[in-house]
Protein backbone atom coordinates (compact mmCIF):
# COMPACT_ATOMS: atom_id res chain seq x y z
CA MET A 1 16.12 -17.68 7.55
CA ARG A 2 17.32 -16.38 4.78
CA ILE A 3 14.87 -14.04 2.76
CA LEU A 4 14.72 -12.65 -0.36
CA SER A 5 12.22 -10.11 -0.83
CA ILE A 6 10.94 -9.62 -3.90
CA ALA A 7 9.07 -6.32 -4.95
CA ALA A 8 8.68 -3.24 -7.68
CA GLU A 9 8.92 -0.27 -4.96
CA ALA A 10 10.29 0.27 -1.52
CA ALA A 11 11.02 3.19 0.68
CA PRO A 12 12.86 5.39 1.08
CA TYR A 13 13.92 4.18 -2.73
CA VAL A 14 11.21 4.74 -4.63
CA LYS A 15 7.83 4.86 -3.74
CA VAL A 16 4.52 5.15 -5.54
CA GLY A 17 1.97 3.83 -3.19
CA GLY A 18 1.57 1.72 -0.21
CA LEU A 19 3.48 -1.11 -1.67
CA ALA A 20 6.96 0.97 -0.99
CA ASP A 21 6.01 0.88 2.57
CA VAL A 22 4.97 -2.61 3.65
CA ALA A 23 8.14 -3.70 1.40
CA GLY A 24 10.28 -1.13 3.07
CA ALA A 25 9.54 -0.99 6.43
CA LEU A 26 8.64 -5.27 6.93
CA PRO A 27 12.24 -6.61 6.21
CA THR A 28 13.60 -4.15 8.76
CA ALA A 29 11.23 -6.12 11.41
CA LEU A 30 12.07 -9.15 10.06
CA ALA A 31 15.57 -8.22 10.41
CA GLU A 32 15.21 -7.22 13.84
CA ARG A 33 13.66 -10.68 15.08
CA GLY A 34 16.81 -12.84 13.24
CA ALA A 35 15.76 -12.99 9.96
CA THR A 36 18.53 -12.16 7.28
CA VAL A 37 16.52 -10.03 4.48
CA GLU A 38 17.56 -8.79 1.22
CA ILE A 39 15.18 -6.37 -0.92
CA LEU A 40 15.00 -7.06 -4.53
CA LEU A 41 14.06 -3.78 -6.50
CA PRO A 42 13.79 -2.63 -10.24
CA GLY A 43 16.85 -0.30 -11.08
CA TYR A 44 14.26 2.78 -11.61
CA ARG A 45 16.19 5.79 -13.11
CA SER A 46 15.03 7.73 -10.34
CA ILE A 47 16.39 5.98 -7.40
CA ASP A 48 19.76 7.81 -6.64
CA ARG A 49 22.51 5.35 -6.14
CA LYS A 50 25.33 7.88 -5.14
CA LYS A 51 22.94 8.74 -2.39
CA TRP A 52 21.86 5.28 -1.19
CA GLY A 53 25.54 3.54 -1.55
CA PHE A 54 24.53 1.05 -4.03
CA GLU A 55 27.84 -0.04 -6.01
CA PRO A 56 28.15 -2.82 -8.51
CA VAL A 57 28.60 -6.28 -7.80
CA GLY A 58 28.32 -8.47 -10.95
CA SER A 59 25.97 -9.50 -13.21
CA ILE A 60 23.59 -12.12 -14.40
CA ALA A 61 23.29 -13.95 -17.41
CA LEU A 62 19.94 -15.54 -18.82
CA ASP A 63 18.34 -16.57 -21.48
CA TYR A 64 15.50 -13.94 -22.22
CA ALA A 65 13.19 -13.92 -25.39
CA VAL A 66 15.19 -16.45 -27.27
CA LYS A 67 18.36 -14.15 -26.51
CA ARG A 68 21.36 -14.03 -24.55
CA VAL A 69 20.99 -11.30 -21.79
CA ASP A 70 23.77 -9.58 -19.42
CA VAL A 71 21.72 -7.29 -16.67
CA GLU A 72 24.10 -5.37 -13.77
CA LEU A 73 23.22 -5.84 -10.00
CA GLN A 74 23.55 -3.45 -7.44
CA ARG A 75 23.98 -3.70 -3.86
CA VAL A 76 23.91 -2.08 -0.64
CA ARG A 77 24.23 -3.67 2.66
CA ARG A 78 22.24 -1.67 5.57
CA GLN A 79 23.33 -0.67 8.81
CA ASP A 80 20.33 -2.30 10.01
CA GLY A 81 21.60 -5.63 8.64
CA VAL A 82 19.65 -5.81 4.91
CA THR A 83 20.72 -5.96 2.03
CA VAL A 84 19.15 -3.86 -0.66
CA THR A 85 19.86 -5.13 -4.34
CA LEU A 86 18.79 -3.48 -7.89
CA VAL A 87 18.19 -4.96 -11.01
CA HIS A 88 20.19 -2.59 -13.56
CA ASP A 89 18.63 -3.06 -17.21
CA ALA A 90 18.77 0.26 -18.85
CA ALA A 91 16.03 -1.88 -21.50
CA ALA A 92 13.53 -1.98 -18.58
CA PHE A 93 13.84 0.50 -15.98
CA ASP A 94 16.40 3.12 -17.14
CA ARG A 95 13.57 5.61 -17.80
CA PRO A 96 11.51 8.41 -16.59
CA GLY A 97 8.81 7.32 -13.76
CA VAL A 98 7.74 3.80 -12.56
CA TYR A 99 4.63 2.33 -14.15
CA ASP A 100 3.63 5.41 -15.27
CA ASP A 101 4.53 7.57 -18.56
CA PRO A 102 5.24 11.07 -16.93
CA GLN A 103 4.06 12.31 -20.36
CA THR A 104 1.17 10.20 -20.98
CA LYS A 105 0.05 10.02 -17.59
CA GLU A 106 -0.64 6.01 -18.55
CA GLY A 107 1.21 2.93 -17.62
CA TYR A 108 3.97 1.73 -19.61
CA ARG A 109 2.72 -0.23 -22.71
CA ASP A 110 5.47 -2.52 -22.08
CA ASN A 111 4.74 -3.00 -18.01
CA PRO A 112 4.15 -6.31 -18.42
CA GLU A 113 7.15 -7.14 -20.31
CA ARG A 114 9.56 -5.50 -17.79
CA TYR A 115 8.06 -6.98 -14.84
CA ALA A 116 7.78 -10.54 -16.43
CA PHE A 117 11.46 -9.84 -17.54
CA PHE A 118 12.05 -8.78 -13.49
CA ALA A 119 10.48 -11.70 -11.77
CA ARG A 120 12.86 -14.25 -14.12
CA VAL A 121 16.05 -11.94 -13.18
CA ALA A 122 14.76 -12.54 -9.21
CA ALA A 123 13.75 -16.22 -9.54
CA GLU A 124 17.36 -16.56 -11.13
CA LEU A 125 19.08 -14.65 -8.00
CA ALA A 126 16.84 -17.27 -5.77
CA LEU A 127 19.01 -19.54 -7.72
CA ILE A 128 22.26 -18.28 -7.04
CA ASP A 129 21.74 -17.40 -3.73
CA THR A 130 19.83 -20.08 -2.04
CA PRO A 131 17.73 -17.87 0.05
CA ASP A 132 15.21 -20.27 2.79
CA LEU A 133 12.25 -18.43 1.68
CA ILE A 134 11.12 -16.27 -1.30
CA HIS A 135 8.68 -13.66 -0.31
CA ALA A 136 6.75 -11.87 -3.86
CA HIS A 137 4.66 -9.22 -3.70
CA ASP A 138 2.10 -8.43 -5.90
CA ALA A 139 1.82 -9.38 -9.51
CA HIS A 140 5.66 -8.07 -10.07
CA GLY A 141 7.08 -10.83 -8.16
CA ALA A 142 4.34 -13.43 -8.80
CA LEU A 143 6.03 -15.59 -11.58
CA VAL A 144 9.11 -16.56 -9.53
CA PRO A 145 7.47 -19.16 -7.26
CA ALA A 146 5.81 -20.71 -10.87
CA LEU A 147 9.29 -19.87 -12.30
CA LEU A 148 10.92 -22.21 -10.29
CA LYS A 149 8.97 -25.01 -9.67
CA THR A 150 8.60 -25.28 -12.97
CA VAL A 151 11.14 -24.62 -15.94
CA LEU A 152 14.16 -23.54 -13.60
CA LYS A 153 12.65 -26.66 -11.31
CA PRO A 154 15.93 -28.82 -12.61
CA ARG A 155 18.19 -26.23 -11.43
CA VAL A 156 16.85 -25.71 -7.82
CA ARG A 157 19.36 -26.92 -5.28
CA ARG A 158 17.58 -26.99 -1.86
CA ARG A 159 13.40 -26.67 -1.15
CA VAL A 160 12.24 -23.03 -0.85
CA GLY A 161 9.68 -21.82 1.06
CA HIS A 162 7.34 -19.38 -1.40
CA VAL A 163 4.57 -16.68 -0.15
CA LEU A 164 2.91 -14.01 -1.89
CA THR A 165 1.18 -11.07 -0.36
CA ILE A 166 -1.70 -9.71 -2.22
CA HIS A 167 -1.79 -5.71 -1.42
CA ASN A 168 -4.27 -4.94 -4.54
CA LEU A 169 -5.89 -7.96 -6.80
CA ALA A 170 -7.14 -5.13 -9.12
CA HIS A 171 -4.03 -4.89 -10.34
CA PRO A 172 -3.41 -8.77 -11.63
CA MET A 173 -0.67 -7.50 -14.44
CA ARG A 174 -2.83 -9.02 -17.87
CA ALA A 175 -0.82 -9.35 -20.61
CA ALA A 176 -0.73 -11.14 -24.00
CA SER A 177 0.64 -15.09 -23.56
CA LYS A 178 3.62 -13.75 -25.53
CA VAL A 179 5.34 -12.53 -22.12
CA LEU A 180 4.97 -15.74 -20.59
CA PHE A 181 6.77 -17.82 -23.18
CA ASP A 182 9.35 -14.95 -23.35
CA VAL A 183 10.22 -15.77 -19.67
CA GLY A 184 10.58 -18.94 -20.53
CA PHE A 185 7.69 -21.01 -20.24
CA PRO A 186 7.02 -23.62 -22.95
CA GLN A 187 3.97 -22.75 -25.15
CA ASP A 188 1.97 -26.36 -24.17
CA ALA A 189 1.71 -25.62 -20.38
CA PHE A 190 -0.99 -22.48 -22.01
CA PHE A 191 -4.17 -24.36 -22.14
CA PRO A 192 -7.91 -23.21 -20.46
CA LEU A 193 -7.56 -23.16 -17.57
CA SER A 194 -4.03 -24.49 -16.25
CA PRO A 195 -2.73 -21.65 -14.21
CA LEU A 196 -0.72 -19.48 -16.85
CA GLU A 197 -4.22 -18.96 -18.60
CA PHE A 198 -7.08 -16.53 -17.63
CA HIS A 199 -9.20 -15.82 -20.51
CA GLY A 200 -7.16 -16.64 -23.34
CA ALA A 201 -4.21 -13.98 -21.91
CA ALA A 202 -1.59 -13.77 -18.69
CA ASN A 203 -2.70 -12.82 -15.12
CA PHE A 204 0.49 -12.71 -13.19
CA LEU A 205 -1.93 -12.68 -9.84
CA LYS A 206 -3.54 -16.10 -11.17
CA THR A 207 -0.25 -17.91 -11.57
CA GLY A 208 1.61 -16.55 -8.75
CA ILE A 209 -1.36 -18.06 -6.88
CA ALA A 210 -1.50 -20.96 -7.82
CA TYR A 211 1.99 -21.69 -7.53
CA ALA A 212 2.65 -19.91 -4.23
CA ASP A 213 3.18 -22.39 -0.80
CA ALA A 214 1.43 -19.65 1.32
CA ILE A 215 -0.97 -16.79 -0.01
CA THR A 216 -1.21 -13.82 2.33
CA THR A 217 -2.69 -10.40 2.01
CA VAL A 218 -2.23 -7.01 4.19
CA SER A 219 -5.74 -7.33 5.97
CA PRO A 220 -7.54 -10.35 7.89
CA ARG A 221 -11.05 -8.83 5.74
CA TYR A 222 -9.49 -8.39 2.91
CA ALA A 223 -8.41 -12.58 2.59
CA LEU A 224 -12.14 -12.65 2.86
CA GLU A 225 -13.47 -10.11 0.56
CA ILE A 226 -11.20 -11.90 -1.88
CA GLN A 227 -13.04 -14.76 -1.88
CA THR A 228 -16.01 -13.26 -3.37
CA GLU A 229 -17.21 -12.64 -6.55
CA GLU A 230 -17.70 -8.92 -5.58
CA PHE A 231 -13.78 -8.23 -4.77
CA GLY A 232 -12.38 -11.38 -6.85
CA ASN A 233 -11.55 -9.85 -9.93
CA GLY A 234 -12.41 -13.72 -11.62
CA LEU A 235 -10.07 -15.00 -9.08
CA ASP A 236 -12.23 -15.82 -6.29
CA GLY A 237 -12.93 -19.58 -7.27
CA LEU A 238 -9.09 -20.11 -7.56
CA LEU A 239 -8.42 -18.48 -3.81
CA ARG A 240 -11.93 -20.11 -2.36
CA ASP A 241 -9.78 -23.37 -3.84
CA ARG A 242 -6.86 -22.52 -2.02
CA ARG A 243 -8.10 -20.57 1.13
CA SER A 244 -6.50 -23.21 2.73
CA VAL A 245 -3.06 -21.92 2.60
CA LEU A 246 -4.90 -18.17 2.46
CA PHE A 247 -4.27 -15.85 5.48
CA GLY A 248 -4.91 -11.94 6.53
CA ILE A 249 -2.13 -9.66 8.24
CA LEU A 250 -2.56 -6.65 8.94
CA ASN A 251 -0.02 -3.98 7.65
CA GLY A 252 1.98 -2.07 10.60
CA ILE A 253 2.91 1.41 9.81
CA ASP A 254 6.17 3.17 10.50
CA THR A 255 6.02 4.58 14.14
CA LYS A 256 9.07 6.41 14.07
CA GLU A 257 8.03 7.94 10.84
CA TRP A 258 4.79 9.01 11.94
CA ASP A 259 4.69 9.74 15.65
CA PRO A 260 3.42 13.00 16.94
CA ALA A 261 5.48 13.21 19.69
CA THR A 262 8.29 13.47 17.73
CA ASP A 263 7.30 14.24 14.05
CA LYS A 264 10.11 16.81 13.09
CA HIS A 265 7.23 17.76 10.20
CA LEU A 266 4.89 19.76 12.84
CA PRO A 267 4.78 23.09 14.12
CA ALA A 268 4.25 21.42 17.36
CA THR A 269 4.62 18.08 18.56
CA TYR A 270 2.00 16.12 21.00
CA SER A 271 1.02 13.14 22.31
CA ALA A 272 -2.35 11.04 24.02
CA LYS A 273 -0.70 12.75 27.62
CA GLN A 274 -0.56 15.99 26.57
CA LEU A 275 -2.47 17.46 23.61
CA ALA A 276 -2.57 20.61 23.32
CA GLY A 277 0.38 20.57 20.72
CA LYS A 278 -2.53 19.27 18.40
CA LYS A 279 -4.52 22.33 19.12
CA THR A 280 -1.33 24.30 17.46
CA CYS A 281 -1.32 22.07 14.11
CA ARG A 282 -4.44 22.22 13.50
CA GLU A 283 -4.22 26.17 13.88
CA LYS A 284 -1.05 26.28 10.99
CA LEU A 285 -2.94 24.12 8.88
CA LEU A 286 -5.98 26.12 8.75
CA SER A 287 -3.65 29.39 8.37
CA ASP A 288 -1.05 28.14 5.93
CA PHE A 289 -4.31 28.09 3.50
CA ASN A 290 -6.33 30.79 4.31
CA LEU A 291 -9.37 28.82 6.48
CA ALA A 292 -11.13 30.90 8.73
CA ALA A 293 -10.24 29.68 12.42
CA ALA A 294 -13.19 28.90 14.60
CA PRO A 295 -13.13 26.80 18.05
CA SER A 296 -16.51 25.02 17.37
CA THR A 297 -15.65 24.33 13.73
CA PRO A 298 -14.48 21.24 13.30
CA VAL A 299 -11.30 20.35 10.06
CA PHE A 300 -11.85 17.52 7.97
CA GLY A 301 -8.87 16.51 6.31
CA ILE A 302 -8.45 14.02 2.73
CA VAL A 303 -4.99 12.61 2.29
CA SER A 304 -5.74 10.87 -1.12
CA ARG A 305 -4.78 9.75 -4.48
CA PHE A 306 -7.83 10.91 -6.55
CA ALA A 307 -9.31 8.05 -8.36
CA ASP A 308 -13.01 5.94 -7.84
CA GLN A 309 -10.97 2.65 -5.53
CA LYS A 310 -10.86 5.87 -2.66
CA GLY A 311 -14.40 6.65 -2.68
CA LEU A 312 -13.85 10.32 -4.37
CA GLU A 313 -17.49 9.84 -5.69
CA LEU A 314 -19.14 9.57 -2.31
CA ILE A 315 -17.30 12.63 -1.58
CA ALA A 316 -18.57 14.25 -4.77
CA HIS A 317 -22.01 13.82 -3.77
CA VAL A 318 -21.49 15.18 -0.28
CA ALA A 319 -19.45 17.71 -1.34
CA TRP A 320 -21.62 20.63 -1.57
CA GLU A 321 -23.81 19.11 1.13
CA LEU A 322 -21.02 19.63 3.44
CA SER A 323 -20.07 23.43 2.41
CA LYS A 324 -23.33 24.13 3.91
CA LEU A 325 -22.10 22.59 7.28
CA ASP A 326 -19.90 24.98 9.71
CA VAL A 327 -17.09 22.62 8.49
CA ARG A 328 -13.22 23.15 7.19
CA VAL A 329 -11.96 20.96 4.68
CA VAL A 330 -8.10 20.69 3.70
CA VAL A 331 -7.57 18.56 0.88
CA LEU A 332 -4.13 16.70 -0.76
CA GLY A 333 -3.88 14.51 -3.44
CA SER A 334 -3.84 13.82 -7.23
CA GLY A 335 -5.24 11.58 -10.05
CA GLN A 336 -8.36 11.49 -11.90
CA GLU A 337 -8.82 14.87 -13.73
CA LYS A 338 -12.69 15.12 -12.59
CA TYR A 339 -12.10 14.83 -9.06
CA GLN A 340 -9.25 17.46 -9.49
CA ARG A 341 -12.02 19.94 -11.05
CA LEU A 342 -14.36 18.85 -8.26
CA PHE A 343 -12.05 20.11 -5.51
CA GLN A 344 -10.92 23.70 -7.91
CA GLU A 345 -14.58 24.62 -7.71
CA LEU A 346 -15.08 23.95 -4.50
CA GLN A 347 -12.59 25.66 -3.24
CA ARG A 348 -13.51 28.41 -5.56
CA ALA A 349 -17.07 28.38 -4.42
CA ARG A 350 -15.91 28.66 -1.04
CA PRO A 351 -12.56 29.26 -0.19
CA ASP A 352 -12.92 30.27 3.35
CA GLN A 353 -13.61 26.30 3.92
CA PHE A 354 -12.00 24.37 1.30
CA GLY A 355 -8.09 24.29 1.31
CA VAL A 356 -6.78 21.79 -1.57
CA TYR A 357 -3.15 21.28 -2.22
CA PHE A 358 -2.14 18.73 -5.96
CA GLY A 359 0.17 16.71 -5.65
CA PHE A 360 2.28 14.28 -3.27
CA HIS A 361 3.91 16.64 -0.86
CA GLU A 362 4.80 14.26 2.49
CA PRO A 363 5.17 16.98 5.01
CA LEU A 364 1.47 18.48 4.47
CA ALA A 365 0.57 14.64 5.16
CA HIS A 366 1.62 14.61 8.51
CA GLN A 367 0.64 18.32 9.15
CA ILE A 368 -3.00 16.91 8.02
CA GLU A 369 -3.05 14.31 10.01
CA ALA A 370 -2.10 15.87 13.10
CA GLY A 371 -3.90 19.30 12.06
CA ALA A 372 -7.58 17.72 11.04
CA ASP A 373 -9.94 16.63 13.45
CA PHE A 374 -11.56 13.85 11.82
CA PHE A 375 -10.43 12.32 8.17
CA LEU A 376 -12.38 11.50 5.54
CA MET A 377 -11.55 7.73 3.60
CA PRO A 378 -15.14 6.13 2.58
CA SER A 379 -13.17 3.88 0.35
CA LEU A 380 -15.03 1.74 -2.00
CA PHE A 381 -12.57 -1.21 -1.26
CA GLU A 382 -9.64 -1.23 0.48
CA PRO A 383 -7.20 -3.91 1.02
CA CYS A 384 -5.61 -2.86 4.36
CA GLY A 385 -4.98 1.31 4.51
CA LEU A 386 -2.07 3.30 6.00
CA ASN A 387 -4.44 6.48 6.28
CA GLN A 388 -6.88 5.85 9.21
CA MET A 389 -3.74 3.92 11.39
CA TYR A 390 -1.77 7.64 11.11
CA SER A 391 -5.33 9.34 12.20
CA LEU A 392 -5.47 7.41 14.92
CA ARG A 393 -1.96 7.62 15.85
CA TYR A 394 -2.21 11.05 15.54
CA GLY A 395 -5.59 11.60 17.36
CA THR A 396 -7.37 12.13 14.51
CA LEU A 397 -10.96 10.37 13.77
CA PRO A 398 -11.52 8.35 11.09
CA ILE A 399 -14.94 8.04 8.53
CA VAL A 400 -14.28 5.16 6.57
CA ARG A 401 -16.28 2.94 4.75
CA ARG A 402 -16.25 -0.43 6.42
CA THR A 403 -13.85 -2.85 4.48
CA GLY A 404 -10.84 -4.53 4.04
CA GLY A 405 -8.28 -3.16 6.65
CA LEU A 406 -10.30 -0.46 7.40
CA ALA A 407 -13.29 -2.78 8.89
CA ASP A 408 -10.34 -3.76 11.16
CA THR A 409 -8.79 -1.07 12.45
CA VAL A 410 -11.93 1.02 12.94
CA ILE A 411 -14.63 0.63 15.15
CA ASP A 412 -17.42 3.14 15.20
CA VAL A 413 -17.98 4.77 18.03
CA GLU A 414 -21.50 5.34 17.53
CA THR A 415 -22.50 1.44 17.57
CA ASP A 416 -19.55 0.83 20.01
CA PRO A 417 -19.71 3.60 22.54
CA GLU A 418 -16.77 2.02 24.37
CA ARG A 419 -14.33 0.71 22.08
CA GLY A 420 -14.82 3.04 19.18
CA ASN A 421 -11.87 5.16 17.74
CA GLY A 422 -14.03 6.83 15.15
CA PHE A 423 -16.92 6.43 12.51
CA ALA A 424 -17.68 3.22 10.34
CA PHE A 425 -20.69 2.63 7.50
CA ASP A 426 -21.55 0.21 5.07
CA ALA A 427 -23.17 0.72 2.36
CA PRO A 428 -21.30 3.15 -0.49
CA ASP A 429 -24.13 5.52 -0.05
CA PRO A 430 -23.64 9.01 -0.08
CA ARG A 431 -26.37 9.31 2.11
CA ALA A 432 -24.81 6.85 5.23
CA PHE A 433 -21.30 9.45 4.92
CA LEU A 434 -23.01 12.20 4.91
CA ALA A 435 -24.77 10.87 8.37
CA LYS A 436 -21.55 10.19 9.98
CA ILE A 437 -20.41 13.23 8.74
CA ARG A 438 -22.80 14.66 10.51
CA ALA A 439 -22.45 12.83 13.56
CA ALA A 440 -18.63 13.83 13.81
CA CYS A 441 -19.72 17.22 13.32
CA ALA A 442 -21.91 17.14 16.77
CA LEU A 443 -19.22 14.73 18.23
CA TYR A 444 -16.82 17.96 18.29
CA GLN A 445 -19.13 19.84 20.20
CA ASP A 446 -18.54 17.25 23.33
CA LYS A 447 -15.25 18.11 23.72
CA LYS A 448 -14.55 16.11 26.88
CA ARG A 449 -15.81 12.59 24.60
CA LEU A 450 -14.06 13.45 21.80
CA GLU A 451 -10.55 13.96 23.30
CA LYS A 452 -11.40 10.60 25.18
CA ILE A 453 -11.95 8.59 21.85
CA GLN A 454 -8.69 10.26 20.88
CA LYS A 455 -6.60 8.79 23.43
CA ARG A 456 -8.36 5.47 22.51
CA GLY A 457 -7.02 5.41 18.97
CA MET A 458 -3.95 6.75 19.67
CA ALA A 459 -3.51 4.39 22.35
CA THR A 460 -4.06 1.55 19.40
CA ASP A 461 -0.62 -0.56 18.62
CA PHE A 462 0.20 -0.53 15.32
CA SER A 463 3.43 -0.97 15.03
CA TRP A 464 5.15 -3.96 12.62
CA THR A 465 6.17 -5.87 15.46
CA THR A 466 2.37 -7.94 15.52
CA ALA A 467 2.71 -8.14 11.62
CA ALA A 468 6.32 -9.41 11.70
CA THR A 469 5.69 -11.91 14.75
CA LYS A 470 3.25 -13.27 12.49
CA TYR A 471 5.05 -12.97 8.90
CA LEU A 472 7.90 -15.12 10.31
CA ALA A 473 5.71 -17.73 11.88
CA LEU A 474 4.14 -18.29 8.76
CA PHE A 475 7.50 -18.09 6.99
CA GLU A 476 8.78 -20.81 9.38
CA LYS A 477 5.53 -22.87 8.54
CA VAL A 478 6.48 -23.09 4.95
CA THR A 479 9.81 -23.42 5.38
CA ALA A 480 9.47 -26.28 7.25
């Protein structure tokens, strides 16, 4: 099977969030199972062409916004058999940052135009390369199925399957209708309740959901949640209409990159059979942040984007109560200013308890996962989540709100002692969250039971093997 994977980011070339991890790892897992995969990415300035070996391979000419445009393609074929192609267009992508302007820290105002253009180039490439299946990720690739099934349909040489994966419905890419007309859709196709229209404007995800042969989300629970008014972002009715082709497939993680037995970022490695190295990681983490070490004091880790979605408001509500407990807290992340101020104040008031690093630091993310005893992740909603899976693999018990992929991966030890691997609560209530933190502190004193639960979590298989098998089965069904 020949698959064209269309995404706005993919590790290791460009990464902003979890989308990059999925769009980078899944093609490799599919290739290992015999598929031929090409990843199509925007040619951002930040991608090091020389480092990764990209070379020009020609150009695509297309009509866009009533003018003829020539777009250069750059390509590399990797040792794992996956091909990666960049859309090298200066006007759209030769600028600092990815989605946001580094100077203003706000999204580029022309993002809808940039990614509509990217989708049109992707559709043109599909006409040339004729894959068996197009796998579009999020709003950035969502217009491709509609383009190939409508305005470009006369040029389609044979049937192509279309699967749209929704990583986060909260970012649907809304825009003025002109963006759709510039990309090639006729104006008479835009009318109330049509696939192109959403409250008088464009909504890329709505259009993709309407035209894709199948829709997937990144966890089974999230596939159910987005069919509700609470999580549907105005598209729940359409998603309920399409529920027969809507599937939830839990993301995997890179088990080579995230393996405490071989992790090059750790001061000591360890495994479920030999946990001694975790103690070393814990001591080194506390030392690096100048936090007082004590054998009876649990360490809580936070690695997060500082945003309301991530449940940071819940953390803010319990922070001062948390500071009264005999605990240590290590924080890594950046984002909304109000949360950065909160952690600054906590660190200033309790320098022996709170250690904070603002920004992104990959080695430190690994060190926190290994050195912490518990991981705080009380997201208001979480399509899948990866950090809770990293935590379980590293013997660090997650404390999560029961939503999306968190509900699919974390089993509460209080309600299910025999299967539990962490702590989970339902309502986005600070009291419920604090109760689980207190329960974790109590569990920490029972070292024998704690170790048993740690090993249970570490034994869970979060590799891409299961997910890739499910994706391939769906792809074969769609293309059949």
